[in-house]
Amino acid sequence: MSNFEPTPIVEAAPKKSNTTLIIAIVAVVLVCCCCVCLAGIGWTYGDTIIYELGL
């Protein structure tokens, strides 16, 4: 007889998905780009827009 005991196989935990993090980062970048574009339009045409609105 042998004293050999098989080593139990430990299954690795499933890998955590980063999909939510990636979507959140992309959304934040898109919102920042939209804000920069709107600020540029406001800077360029702000006086004309205010005049046309009668403010």
PDB file of N, CA and C in Angstrom:
ATOM      1  N   MET A   1       0.821  -1.185   0.000  1.00  0.00           N
ATOM      2  CA  MET A   1       0.000   0.000   0.000  1.00  0.00           C
ATOM      3  C   MET A   1       0.868   1.253   0.000  1.00  0.00           C
ATOM      4  N   SER A   2       0.313   2.258  -0.594  1.00  0.00           N
ATOM      5  CA  SER A   2       1.055   3.510  -0.708  1.00  0.00           C
ATOM      6  C   SER A   2       0.444   4.561   0.204  1.00  0.00           C
ATOM      7  N   ASN A   3       1.285   5.456   0.670  1.00  0.00           N
ATOM      8  CA  ASN A   3       0.819   6.557   1.512  1.00  0.00           C
ATOM      9  C   ASN A   3       0.478   7.796   0.676  1.00  0.00           C
ATOM     10  N   PHE A   4       0.360   7.620  -0.608  1.00  0.00           N
ATOM     11  CA  PHE A   4       0.092   8.753  -1.508  1.00  0.00           C
ATOM     12  C   PHE A   4      -1.368   9.188  -1.397  1.00  0.00           C
ATOM     13  N   GLU A   5      -1.559  10.467  -1.106  1.00  0.00           N
ATOM     14  CA  GLU A   5      -2.907  11.042  -1.079  1.00  0.00           C
ATOM     15  C   GLU A   5      -2.988  12.079  -2.201  1.00  0.00           C
ATOM     16  N   PRO A   6      -3.967  11.964  -3.062  1.00  0.00           N
ATOM     17  CA  PRO A   6      -4.056  12.935  -4.162  1.00  0.00           C
ATOM     18  C   PRO A   6      -4.337  14.344  -3.635  1.00  0.00           C
ATOM     19  N   THR A   7      -3.709  15.301  -4.284  1.00  0.00           N
ATOM     20  CA  THR A   7      -3.909  16.703  -3.918  1.00  0.00           C
ATOM     21  C   THR A   7      -5.262  17.150  -4.454  1.00  0.00           C
ATOM     22  N   PRO A   8      -6.082  17.739  -3.598  1.00  0.00           N
ATOM     23  CA  PRO A   8      -7.389  18.194  -4.086  1.00  0.00           C
ATOM     24  C   PRO A   8      -7.214  19.335  -5.095  1.00  0.00           C
ATOM     25  N   ILE A   9      -8.012  19.302  -6.130  1.00  0.00           N
ATOM     26  CA  ILE A   9      -7.953  20.332  -7.163  1.00  0.00           C
ATOM     27  C   ILE A   9      -8.883  21.468  -6.749  1.00  0.00           C
ATOM     28  N   VAL A  10      -8.299  22.648  -6.632  1.00  0.00           N
ATOM     29  CA  VAL A  10      -9.068  23.833  -6.255  1.00  0.00           C
ATOM     30  C   VAL A  10      -9.435  24.577  -7.529  1.00  0.00           C
ATOM     31  N   GLU A  11     -10.721  24.761  -7.752  1.00  0.00           N
ATOM     32  CA  GLU A  11     -11.160  25.482  -8.941  1.00  0.00           C
ATOM     33  C   GLU A  11     -10.963  26.973  -8.737  1.00  0.00           C
ATOM     34  N   ALA A  12     -10.480  27.624  -9.764  1.00  0.00           N
ATOM     35  CA  ALA A  12     -10.260  29.064  -9.694  1.00  0.00           C
ATOM     36  C   ALA A  12     -11.608  29.785  -9.713  1.00  0.00           C
ATOM     37  N   ALA A  13     -11.636  30.887  -8.988  1.00  0.00           N
ATOM     38  CA  ALA A  13     -12.859  31.695  -8.968  1.00  0.00           C
ATOM     39  C   ALA A  13     -13.064  32.300 -10.352  1.00  0.00           C
ATOM     40  N   PRO A  14     -14.313  32.457 -10.768  1.00  0.00           N
ATOM     41  CA  PRO A  14     -14.546  33.050 -12.097  1.00  0.00           C
ATOM     42  C   PRO A  14     -14.022  34.484 -12.147  1.00  0.00           C
ATOM     43  N   LYS A  15     -13.458  34.851 -13.292  1.00  0.00           N
ATOM     44  CA  LYS A  15     -12.886  36.182 -13.457  1.00  0.00           C
ATOM     45  C   LYS A  15     -13.986  37.236 -13.447  1.00  0.00           C
ATOM     46  N   LYS A  16     -13.734  38.301 -12.703  1.00  0.00           N
ATOM     47  CA  LYS A  16     -14.714  39.376 -12.602  1.00  0.00           C
ATOM     48  C   LYS A  16     -14.712  40.201 -13.893  1.00  0.00           C
ATOM     49  N   SER A  17     -15.905  40.518 -14.369  1.00  0.00           N
ATOM     50  CA  SER A  17     -16.042  41.272 -15.607  1.00  0.00           C
ATOM     51  C   SER A  17     -15.865  42.768 -15.347  1.00  0.00           C
ATOM     52  N   ASN A  18     -15.175  43.442 -16.258  1.00  0.00           N
ATOM     53  CA  ASN A  18     -14.954  44.884 -16.144  1.00  0.00           C
ATOM     54  C   ASN A  18     -15.858  45.675 -17.075  1.00  0.00           C
ATOM     55  N   THR A  19     -16.912  45.059 -17.581  1.00  0.00           N
ATOM     56  CA  THR A  19     -17.778  45.710 -18.563  1.00  0.00           C
ATOM     57  C   THR A  19     -18.416  46.973 -17.999  1.00  0.00           C
ATOM     58  N   THR A  20     -18.895  46.919 -16.776  1.00  0.00           N
ATOM     59  CA  THR A  20     -19.550  48.089 -16.173  1.00  0.00           C
ATOM     60  C   THR A  20     -18.567  49.241 -16.033  1.00  0.00           C
ATOM     61  N   LEU A  21     -17.360  48.949 -15.605  1.00  0.00           N
ATOM     62  CA  LEU A  21     -16.347  49.987 -15.448  1.00  0.00           C
ATOM     63  C   LEU A  21     -16.015  50.624 -16.793  1.00  0.00           C
ATOM     64  N   ILE A  22     -15.873  49.821 -17.830  1.00  0.00           N
ATOM     65  CA  ILE A  22     -15.537  50.341 -19.153  1.00  0.00           C
ATOM     66  C   ILE A  22     -16.665  51.216 -19.689  1.00  0.00           C
ATOM     67  N   ILE A  23     -17.904  50.781 -19.528  1.00  0.00           N
ATOM     68  CA  ILE A  23     -19.047  51.575 -19.990  1.00  0.00           C
ATOM     69  C   ILE A  23     -19.117  52.896 -19.237  1.00  0.00           C
ATOM     70  N   ALA A  24     -18.865  52.881 -17.941  1.00  0.00           N
ATOM     71  CA  ALA A  24     -18.904  54.113 -17.142  1.00  0.00           C
ATOM     72  C   ALA A  24     -17.819  55.087 -17.588  1.00  0.00           C
ATOM     73  N   ILE A  25     -16.624  54.591 -17.857  1.00  0.00           N
ATOM     74  CA  ILE A  25     -15.533  55.470 -18.298  1.00  0.00           C
ATOM     75  C   ILE A  25     -15.850  56.078 -19.656  1.00  0.00           C
ATOM     76  N   VAL A  26     -16.368  55.273 -20.579  1.00  0.00           N
ATOM     77  CA  VAL A  26     -16.733  55.789 -21.906  1.00  0.00           C
ATOM     78  C   VAL A  26     -17.833  56.844 -21.787  1.00  0.00           C
ATOM     79  N   ALA A  27     -18.813  56.610 -20.924  1.00  0.00           N
ATOM     80  CA  ALA A  27     -19.904  57.571 -20.743  1.00  0.00           C
ATOM     81  C   ALA A  27     -19.374  58.899 -20.190  1.00  0.00           C
ATOM     82  N   VAL A  28     -18.475  58.833 -19.223  1.00  0.00           N
ATOM     83  CA  VAL A  28     -17.908  60.061 -18.641  1.00  0.00           C
ATOM     84  C   VAL A  28     -17.111  60.831 -19.693  1.00  0.00           C
ATOM     85  N   VAL A  29     -16.343  60.123 -20.506  1.00  0.00           N
ATOM     86  CA  VAL A  29     -15.561  60.786 -21.557  1.00  0.00           C
ATOM     87  C   VAL A  29     -16.488  61.456 -22.569  1.00  0.00           C
ATOM     88  N   LEU A  30     -17.564  60.775 -22.962  1.00  0.00           N
ATOM     89  CA  LEU A  30     -18.504  61.371 -23.919  1.00  0.00           C
ATOM     90  C   LEU A  30     -19.192  62.607 -23.345  1.00  0.00           C
ATOM     91  N   VAL A  31     -19.573  62.556 -22.080  1.00  0.00           N
ATOM     92  CA  VAL A  31     -20.199  63.718 -21.442  1.00  0.00           C
ATOM     93  C   VAL A  31     -19.222  64.885 -21.393  1.00  0.00           C
ATOM     94  N   CYS A  32     -17.962  64.607 -21.074  1.00  0.00           N
ATOM     95  CA  CYS A  32     -16.957  65.680 -21.045  1.00  0.00           C
ATOM     96  C   CYS A  32     -16.755  66.284 -22.433  1.00  0.00           C
ATOM     97  N   CYS A  33     -16.729  65.427 -23.463  1.00  0.00           N
ATOM     98  CA  CYS A  33     -16.574  65.944 -24.828  1.00  0.00           C
ATOM     99  C   CYS A  33     -17.758  66.824 -25.232  1.00  0.00           C
ATOM    100  N   CYS A  34     -18.960  66.416 -24.856  1.00  0.00           N
ATOM    101  CA  CYS A  34     -20.148  67.227 -25.161  1.00  0.00           C
ATOM    102  C   CYS A  34     -20.083  68.572 -24.449  1.00  0.00           C
ATOM    103  N   CYS A  35     -19.645  68.573 -23.198  1.00  0.00           N
ATOM    104  CA  CYS A  35     -19.531  69.834 -22.454  1.00  0.00           C
ATOM    105  C   CYS A  35     -18.512  70.763 -23.106  1.00  0.00           C
ATOM    106  N   VAL A  36     -17.389  70.212 -23.546  1.00  0.00           N
ATOM    107  CA  VAL A  36     -16.368  71.032 -24.200  1.00  0.00           C
ATOM    108  C   VAL A  36     -16.908  71.600 -25.514  1.00  0.00           C
ATOM    109  N   CYS A  37     -17.632  70.799 -26.274  1.00  0.00           N
ATOM    110  CA  CYS A  37     -18.203  71.290 -27.536  1.00  0.00           C
ATOM    111  C   CYS A  37     -19.220  72.395 -27.292  1.00  0.00           C
ATOM    112  N   LEU A  38     -20.087  72.204 -26.306  1.00  0.00           N
ATOM    113  CA  LEU A  38     -21.080  73.227 -25.996  1.00  0.00           C
ATOM    114  C   LEU A  38     -20.415  74.511 -25.495  1.00  0.00           C
ATOM    115  N   ALA A  39     -19.369  74.380 -24.718  1.00  0.00           N
ATOM    116  CA  ALA A  39     -18.651  75.565 -24.238  1.00  0.00           C
ATOM    117  C   ALA A  39     -18.000  76.301 -25.401  1.00  0.00           C
ATOM    118  N   GLY A  40     -17.452  75.556 -26.356  1.00  0.00           N
ATOM    119  CA  GLY A  40     -16.842  76.187 -27.534  1.00  0.00           C
ATOM    120  C   GLY A  40     -17.862  76.918 -28.377  1.00  0.00           C
ATOM    121  N   ILE A  41     -19.026  76.300 -28.558  1.00  0.00           N
ATOM    122  CA  ILE A  41     -20.098  76.957 -29.312  1.00  0.00           C
ATOM    123  C   ILE A  41     -20.569  78.205 -28.571  1.00  0.00           C
ATOM    124  N   GLY A  42     -20.721  78.086 -27.279  1.00  0.00           N
ATOM    125  CA  GLY A  42     -21.136  79.251 -26.488  1.00  0.00           C
ATOM    126  C   GLY A  42     -20.117  80.371 -26.526  1.00  0.00           C
ATOM    127  N   TRP A  43     -18.841  80.006 -26.501  1.00  0.00           N
ATOM    128  CA  TRP A  43     -17.774  81.017 -26.538  1.00  0.00           C
ATOM    129  C   TRP A  43     -17.764  81.725 -27.896  1.00  0.00           C
ATOM    130  N   THR A  44     -17.984  80.952 -28.950  1.00  0.00           N
ATOM    131  CA  THR A  44     -17.913  81.519 -30.299  1.00  0.00           C
ATOM    132  C   THR A  44     -19.159  82.309 -30.663  1.00  0.00           C
ATOM    133  N   TYR A  45     -20.329  81.751 -30.366  1.00  0.00           N
ATOM    134  CA  TYR A  45     -21.581  82.362 -30.817  1.00  0.00           C
ATOM    135  C   TYR A  45     -22.434  82.895 -29.676  1.00  0.00           C
ATOM    136  N   GLY A  46     -21.875  83.002 -28.494  1.00  0.00           N
ATOM    137  CA  GLY A  46     -22.645  83.406 -27.317  1.00  0.00           C
ATOM    138  C   GLY A  46     -23.335  84.745 -27.467  1.00  0.00           C
ATOM    139  N   ASP A  47     -22.609  85.764 -27.947  1.00  0.00           N
ATOM    140  CA  ASP A  47     -23.195  87.099 -28.089  1.00  0.00           C
ATOM    141  C   ASP A  47     -24.336  87.100 -29.104  1.00  0.00           C
ATOM    142  N   THR A  48     -24.171  86.370 -30.187  1.00  0.00           N
ATOM    143  CA  THR A  48     -25.216  86.297 -31.208  1.00  0.00           C
ATOM    144  C   THR A  48     -26.450  85.588 -30.668  1.00  0.00           C
ATOM    145  N   ILE A  49     -26.253  84.514 -29.931  1.00  0.00           N
ATOM    146  CA  ILE A  49     -27.385  83.773 -29.364  1.00  0.00           C
ATOM    147  C   ILE A  49     -28.155  84.638 -28.381  1.00  0.00           C
ATOM    148  N   ILE A  50     -27.447  85.353 -27.524  1.00  0.00           N
ATOM    149  CA  ILE A  50     -28.100  86.224 -26.552  1.00  0.00           C
ATOM    150  C   ILE A  50     -28.889  87.333 -27.251  1.00  0.00           C
ATOM    151  N   TYR A  51     -28.278  87.898 -28.304  1.00  0.00           N
ATOM    152  CA  TYR A  51     -28.945  88.976 -29.041  1.00  0.00           C
ATOM    153  C   TYR A  51     -30.223  88.444 -29.718  1.00  0.00           C
ATOM    154  N   GLU A  52     -30.137  87.258 -30.345  1.00  0.00           N
ATOM    155  CA  GLU A  52     -31.291  86.695 -31.030  1.00  0.00           C
ATOM    156  C   GLU A  52     -32.390  86.305 -30.060  1.00  0.00           C
ATOM    157  N   LEU A  53     -32.036  85.890 -28.861  1.00  0.00           N
ATOM    158  CA  LEU A  53     -33.045  85.544 -27.859  1.00  0.00           C
ATOM    159  C   LEU A  53     -33.654  86.794 -27.198  1.00  0.00           C
ATOM    160  N   GLY A  54     -33.022  87.936 -27.386  1.00  0.00           N
ATOM    161  CA  GLY A  54     -33.526  89.183 -26.815  1.00  0.00           C
ATOM    162  C   GLY A  54     -33.255  89.313 -25.326  1.00  0.00           C
ATOM    163  N   LEU A  55     -32.204  88.651 -24.875  1.00  0.00           N
ATOM    164  CA  LEU A  55     -31.882  88.722 -23.442  1.00  0.00           C
ATOM    165  C   LEU A  55     -30.927  89.839 -23.143  1.00  0.00           C
TER     166      LEU A  55
END
